[in-house]
Amino acid sequence: MMRIDAHHHLWDLGGRDQPWMDGPWADPIRRSYALPDLAPHLAEHDVAGTVVVQSSSSYEETAELLAVAAEDGPVRGVVGWADLTDPALADILAALPAGLVGIRHQVQDEPDPDWLTRPEVLRGLGVLADAGLVYDLLVTPRELPAAHAAARALPELAFVLDHAAKPAVAKGDWQPWADRVAALAGLPNVSCKLSGLVTEADWAAWRPQQILPYARHVLDAFGPERVLFGSDWPVCTLAADYEDVVALADSATGRLSEAERAAVFGGTAVRVYGVGAERV
């Protein structure tokens, strides 16, 4: 099974701003990142394929990421952005080139914690299901109840929870995150990325033993067959190197069988996103 990084980003600050970089905290990553910057890390850790994920609410960025995916390189699929509330969503998606495997929206930034259950959003999620796409959930514990309601309402749509819903690792918060993640894991159409946890910890002083309980809860709740490794590079570099993120995932999965580890590090991404050696 090929090893896949199911969650990383690329952006060009010369082409557009990244509005989420809204303070000095983002200064260490406030530059452009292209595939050649990531390539040495992929080679070092035998990562043969990747899924690149949107970072701005922009059709232009989605088109640029799809152009990268069309090149001869490691990117096997794109999780782009689209306006789920647009009545013309089906036509917009149909006009996009090959390579799109999913859609994501920064739900965590919506003032309404129930945004995902709005009728116009549920309609848009239904369009994604009809198009054979996946929906990536970028939520925090606050939005998990709505994520659960949406996933339950649309069993035909595959959902992927990004960054384990961003538990407050730095504060040591466990509830209500743990119960809400377990409830979401009870829905068979939801998978979860083992990603993004280092940046929820204390960037300067985190230790593996602070993060591993959260990672292992995800593995216990979803099972290895519904967990996907993702680096969240370059955002992860605010707190850790690429190799540190891989080492954490190796530690979290150390108790699993070889087949189960193969699922986390590639097999689940192949199944959920439909990516692999062949381009989509």
Protein backbone atom coordinates (compact mmCIF):
# COMPACT_ATOMS: atom_id res chain seq x y z
CA MET A 1 0.00 0.00 0.00
CA MET A 2 1.40 3.38 -0.99
CA ARG A 3 1.89 5.85 1.85
CA ILE A 4 -0.31 8.93 1.45
CA ASP A 5 -0.29 12.30 3.19
CA ALA A 6 -4.02 13.01 3.11
CA HIS A 7 -3.83 16.62 4.26
CA HIS A 8 -1.42 19.37 3.30
CA HIS A 9 -1.64 22.85 1.84
CA LEU A 10 -0.01 24.95 -0.85
CA TRP A 11 -0.50 28.69 -1.23
CA ASP A 12 0.91 31.64 -3.13
CA LEU A 13 0.72 34.88 -1.16
CA GLY A 14 1.66 36.73 -4.32
CA GLY A 15 -1.62 35.65 -5.85
CA ARG A 16 -4.01 36.08 -2.92
CA ASP A 17 -4.15 36.68 0.78
CA GLN A 18 -4.94 34.00 3.33
CA PRO A 19 -7.46 35.78 5.59
CA TRP A 20 -7.04 33.25 8.39
CA MET A 21 -3.48 34.52 8.89
CA ASP A 22 -4.92 37.29 11.01
CA GLY A 23 -2.13 38.10 13.46
CA PRO A 24 1.56 37.91 14.34
CA TRP A 25 1.10 34.27 15.32
CA ALA A 26 1.15 33.42 11.59
CA ASP A 27 4.38 35.26 10.80
CA PRO A 28 6.50 32.07 10.76
CA ILE A 29 4.46 30.70 7.84
CA ARG A 30 3.63 34.00 6.16
CA ARG A 31 5.23 33.12 2.84
CA SER A 32 4.35 31.13 -0.24
CA TYR A 33 4.63 27.34 -0.23
CA ALA A 34 4.91 25.28 -3.40
CA LEU A 35 5.23 21.58 -4.06
CA PRO A 36 9.06 21.66 -4.33
CA ASP A 37 9.14 22.85 -0.70
CA LEU A 38 7.24 19.74 0.39
CA ALA A 39 8.92 17.22 -1.90
CA PRO A 40 12.03 16.52 0.28
CA HIS A 41 9.82 15.66 3.25
CA LEU A 42 7.74 13.28 1.16
CA ALA A 43 10.84 11.56 -0.16
CA GLU A 44 12.38 11.21 3.30
CA HIS A 45 9.31 9.45 4.66
CA ASP A 46 8.40 7.38 1.58
CA VAL A 47 5.18 9.30 0.96
CA ALA A 48 4.23 8.51 -2.61
CA GLY A 49 0.98 10.44 -2.89
CA THR A 50 -0.84 13.36 -1.31
CA VAL A 51 -4.18 15.11 -1.05
CA VAL A 52 -3.87 18.89 -1.12
CA VAL A 53 -6.54 20.85 0.74
CA GLN A 54 -7.89 24.35 0.20
CA SER A 55 -6.86 27.15 2.53
CA SER A 56 -8.96 30.02 1.15
CA SER A 57 -12.59 30.34 0.07
CA SER A 58 -11.70 30.81 -3.55
CA TYR A 59 -12.56 29.07 -6.81
CA GLU A 60 -9.34 30.52 -8.20
CA GLU A 61 -7.26 28.69 -5.59
CA THR A 62 -9.17 25.48 -6.27
CA ALA A 63 -8.37 25.80 -9.98
CA GLU A 64 -4.69 26.36 -9.20
CA LEU A 65 -4.56 23.29 -6.96
CA LEU A 66 -6.25 21.22 -9.67
CA ALA A 67 -3.57 22.40 -12.10
CA VAL A 68 -0.90 21.15 -9.69
CA ALA A 69 -2.69 17.81 -9.40
CA ALA A 70 -2.72 17.48 -13.19
CA GLU A 71 1.08 17.63 -13.31
CA ASP A 72 3.37 14.63 -12.98
CA GLY A 73 3.93 14.69 -9.24
CA PRO A 74 2.74 13.34 -5.90
CA VAL A 75 -0.61 15.15 -5.66
CA ARG A 76 -3.33 12.58 -6.29
CA GLY A 77 -6.38 14.64 -5.39
CA VAL A 78 -7.68 18.05 -4.38
CA VAL A 79 -10.10 19.01 -1.63
CA GLY A 80 -11.17 22.39 -2.93
CA TRP A 81 -13.68 25.05 -1.96
CA ALA A 82 -17.16 25.70 -3.29
CA ASP A 83 -20.14 27.72 -2.12
CA LEU A 84 -22.51 25.07 -0.82
CA THR A 85 -25.38 27.54 -0.79
CA ASP A 86 -25.12 28.39 -4.51
CA PRO A 87 -28.14 27.06 -6.44
CA ALA A 88 -25.79 26.52 -9.41
CA LEU A 89 -23.40 24.32 -7.41
CA ALA A 90 -23.96 21.21 -9.53
CA ASP A 91 -23.05 23.06 -12.73
CA ILE A 92 -20.01 24.67 -11.09
CA LEU A 93 -18.67 21.32 -9.94
CA ALA A 94 -19.31 19.72 -13.33
CA ALA A 95 -17.23 22.42 -15.01
CA LEU A 96 -14.15 21.80 -12.85
CA PRO A 97 -11.34 19.68 -14.30
CA ALA A 98 -10.43 16.19 -13.13
CA GLY A 99 -8.68 15.80 -9.82
CA LEU A 100 -11.30 17.17 -7.45
CA VAL A 101 -12.04 14.58 -4.74
CA GLY A 102 -13.74 16.72 -2.12
CA ILE A 103 -14.94 20.11 -0.90
CA ARG A 104 -14.21 21.96 2.33
CA HIS A 105 -15.43 25.18 3.93
CA GLN A 106 -14.08 26.89 7.04
CA VAL A 107 -17.13 26.04 9.13
CA GLN A 108 -15.15 26.85 12.28
CA ASP A 109 -15.24 30.52 11.25
CA GLU A 110 -19.00 30.70 10.78
CA PRO A 111 -20.73 32.63 13.62
CA ASP A 112 -23.59 30.14 13.60
CA PRO A 113 -22.55 26.83 15.23
CA ASP A 114 -25.44 25.15 13.41
CA TRP A 115 -24.39 26.40 9.96
CA LEU A 116 -24.01 22.85 8.66
CA THR A 117 -27.69 22.11 9.31
CA ARG A 118 -29.09 25.10 7.45
CA PRO A 119 -31.44 23.90 4.67
CA GLU A 120 -29.41 25.54 1.90
CA VAL A 121 -26.19 23.95 3.20
CA LEU A 122 -27.77 20.49 3.47
CA ARG A 123 -29.00 20.90 -0.10
CA GLY A 124 -25.45 21.72 -1.20
CA LEU A 125 -24.06 18.71 0.65
CA GLY A 126 -26.58 16.59 -1.23
CA VAL A 127 -25.17 17.95 -4.49
CA LEU A 128 -21.71 16.79 -3.40
CA ALA A 129 -23.08 13.32 -2.75
CA ASP A 130 -24.65 13.24 -6.21
CA ALA A 131 -21.30 14.29 -7.69
CA GLY A 132 -19.45 11.50 -5.89
CA LEU A 133 -17.35 13.93 -3.83
CA VAL A 134 -16.29 13.86 -0.18
CA TYR A 135 -16.96 16.63 2.33
CA ASP A 136 -14.14 17.60 4.69
CA LEU A 137 -15.38 18.90 8.05
CA LEU A 138 -13.26 21.78 9.36
CA VAL A 139 -14.92 22.19 12.74
CA THR A 140 -14.14 22.60 16.42
CA PRO A 141 -15.92 20.87 19.33
CA ARG A 142 -18.52 23.67 19.19
CA GLU A 143 -19.71 22.60 15.74
CA LEU A 144 -19.56 18.83 16.29
CA PRO A 145 -23.29 18.45 17.13
CA ALA A 146 -24.23 20.10 13.82
CA ALA A 147 -21.64 17.98 11.99
CA HIS A 148 -23.22 14.88 13.49
CA ALA A 149 -26.69 16.01 12.44
CA ALA A 150 -25.56 16.73 8.88
CA ALA A 151 -23.72 13.42 8.50
CA ARG A 152 -26.70 11.53 9.89
CA ALA A 153 -29.04 13.34 7.48
CA LEU A 154 -26.87 12.43 4.47
CA PRO A 155 -25.73 8.81 4.86
CA GLU A 156 -24.92 8.67 1.15
CA LEU A 157 -22.20 11.35 1.52
CA ALA A 158 -18.73 10.49 2.82
CA PHE A 159 -17.53 12.97 5.45
CA VAL A 160 -13.95 13.36 6.69
CA LEU A 161 -13.32 15.10 10.00
CA ASP A 162 -10.21 17.28 9.77
CA HIS A 163 -7.74 17.57 12.65
CA ALA A 164 -9.95 15.48 14.95
CA ALA A 165 -12.16 18.58 15.41
CA LYS A 166 -9.33 20.54 17.02
CA PRO A 167 -9.43 19.53 20.69
CA ALA A 168 -7.91 22.07 23.08
CA VAL A 169 -4.78 20.03 23.75
CA ALA A 170 -2.89 22.99 25.24
CA LYS A 171 -5.54 23.34 27.95
CA GLY A 172 -5.85 19.62 28.47
CA ASP A 173 -9.58 19.77 27.67
CA TRP A 174 -11.12 16.35 27.10
CA GLN A 175 -14.88 16.89 27.31
CA PRO A 176 -17.15 17.50 25.53
CA TRP A 177 -14.72 16.82 22.67
CA ALA A 178 -14.21 13.13 23.42
CA ASP A 179 -17.90 12.23 23.66
CA ARG A 180 -18.83 14.28 20.60
CA VAL A 181 -16.08 12.70 18.49
CA ALA A 182 -17.17 9.25 19.63
CA ALA A 183 -20.76 10.05 18.67
CA LEU A 184 -19.67 11.20 15.22
CA ALA A 185 -17.59 8.05 14.83
CA GLY A 186 -20.80 6.07 15.36
CA LEU A 187 -21.88 7.11 11.86
CA PRO A 188 -20.35 4.77 9.25
CA ASN A 189 -20.09 7.48 6.58
CA VAL A 190 -17.60 9.54 8.64
CA SER A 191 -13.81 9.11 8.74
CA CYS A 192 -11.25 11.20 10.62
CA LYS A 193 -7.83 12.60 9.85
CA LEU A 194 -4.99 12.02 12.26
CA SER A 195 -3.71 15.52 11.63
CA GLY A 196 -3.37 19.00 13.07
CA LEU A 197 -2.99 18.01 16.72
CA VAL A 198 0.45 19.56 17.24
CA THR A 199 -0.90 23.05 16.55
CA GLU A 200 -3.64 22.55 19.13
CA ALA A 201 -0.94 21.92 21.76
CA ASP A 202 1.52 24.41 23.24
CA TRP A 203 3.66 25.21 20.22
CA ALA A 204 6.83 25.78 22.21
CA ALA A 205 6.51 23.16 24.93
CA TRP A 206 4.35 20.26 23.72
CA ARG A 207 5.31 16.69 24.47
CA PRO A 208 4.09 13.52 22.74
CA GLN A 209 2.46 12.26 25.92
CA GLN A 210 0.16 15.31 25.89
CA ILE A 211 -1.05 14.64 22.35
CA LEU A 212 -1.11 10.84 22.11
CA PRO A 213 -4.28 10.35 24.23
CA TYR A 214 -6.24 12.45 21.72
CA ALA A 215 -4.79 10.55 18.76
CA ARG A 216 -5.51 7.19 20.36
CA HIS A 217 -9.07 8.21 21.18
CA VAL A 218 -9.59 8.91 17.48
CA LEU A 219 -8.17 5.51 16.58
CA ASP A 220 -10.31 3.75 19.16
CA ALA A 221 -13.48 5.62 18.15
CA PHE A 222 -13.21 5.35 14.36
CA GLY A 223 -11.02 2.27 14.01
CA PRO A 224 -7.92 2.28 11.76
CA GLU A 225 -10.04 1.58 8.68
CA ARG A 226 -11.61 5.06 9.04
CA VAL A 227 -8.53 7.07 10.06
CA LEU A 228 -6.24 8.89 7.60
CA PHE A 229 -2.77 10.28 8.28
CA GLY A 230 -2.30 13.93 7.33
CA SER A 231 0.64 16.23 8.06
CA ASP A 232 -1.20 19.57 7.84
CA TRP A 233 2.05 20.92 6.37
CA PRO A 234 3.07 23.77 6.37
CA VAL A 235 0.69 24.84 9.17
CA CYS A 236 2.18 22.11 11.35
CA THR A 237 5.57 23.87 11.22
CA LEU A 238 4.24 26.44 13.67
CA ALA A 239 4.76 23.74 16.28
CA ALA A 240 6.66 20.83 14.73
CA ASP A 241 8.73 19.63 11.81
CA TYR A 242 7.25 17.23 9.26
CA GLU A 243 9.32 14.43 10.76
CA ASP A 244 7.91 15.19 14.23
CA VAL A 245 4.36 14.84 12.91
CA VAL A 246 5.20 11.52 11.26
CA ALA A 247 6.88 10.33 14.47
CA LEU A 248 3.75 11.20 16.47
CA ALA A 249 1.56 9.26 14.06
CA ASP A 250 3.97 6.33 14.23
CA SER A 251 3.75 6.38 18.03
CA ALA A 252 -0.04 6.66 18.04
CA THR A 253 -0.35 3.66 15.71
CA GLY A 254 2.43 1.63 17.31
CA ARG A 255 -0.03 -0.79 18.93
CA LEU A 256 -1.75 -1.58 15.64
CA SER A 257 -1.11 -4.47 13.30
CA GLU A 258 0.79 -3.95 10.07
CA ALA A 259 -2.47 -4.07 8.10
CA GLU A 260 -4.09 -1.50 10.39
CA ARG A 261 -1.11 0.84 10.09
CA ALA A 262 -1.26 0.46 6.31
CA ALA A 263 -4.87 1.63 6.44
CA VAL A 264 -4.04 4.76 8.47
CA PHE A 265 -1.04 5.67 6.33
CA GLY A 266 -2.64 5.09 2.96
CA GLY A 267 -5.41 2.57 2.61
CA THR A 268 -8.16 4.70 4.11
CA ALA A 269 -7.25 7.65 1.88
CA VAL A 270 -7.35 5.40 -1.18
CA ARG A 271 -10.79 4.12 -0.22
CA VAL A 272 -12.39 7.37 0.97
CA TYR A 273 -10.98 9.78 -1.60
CA GLY A 274 -10.56 7.30 -4.42
CA VAL A 275 -6.90 8.18 -4.85
CA GLY A 276 -3.97 5.89 -5.43
CA ALA A 277 -1.25 5.19 -7.94
CA GLU A 278 -3.57 6.27 -10.75
CA ARG A 279 -4.72 9.88 -10.94
CA VAL A 280 -8.38 10.68 -10.48
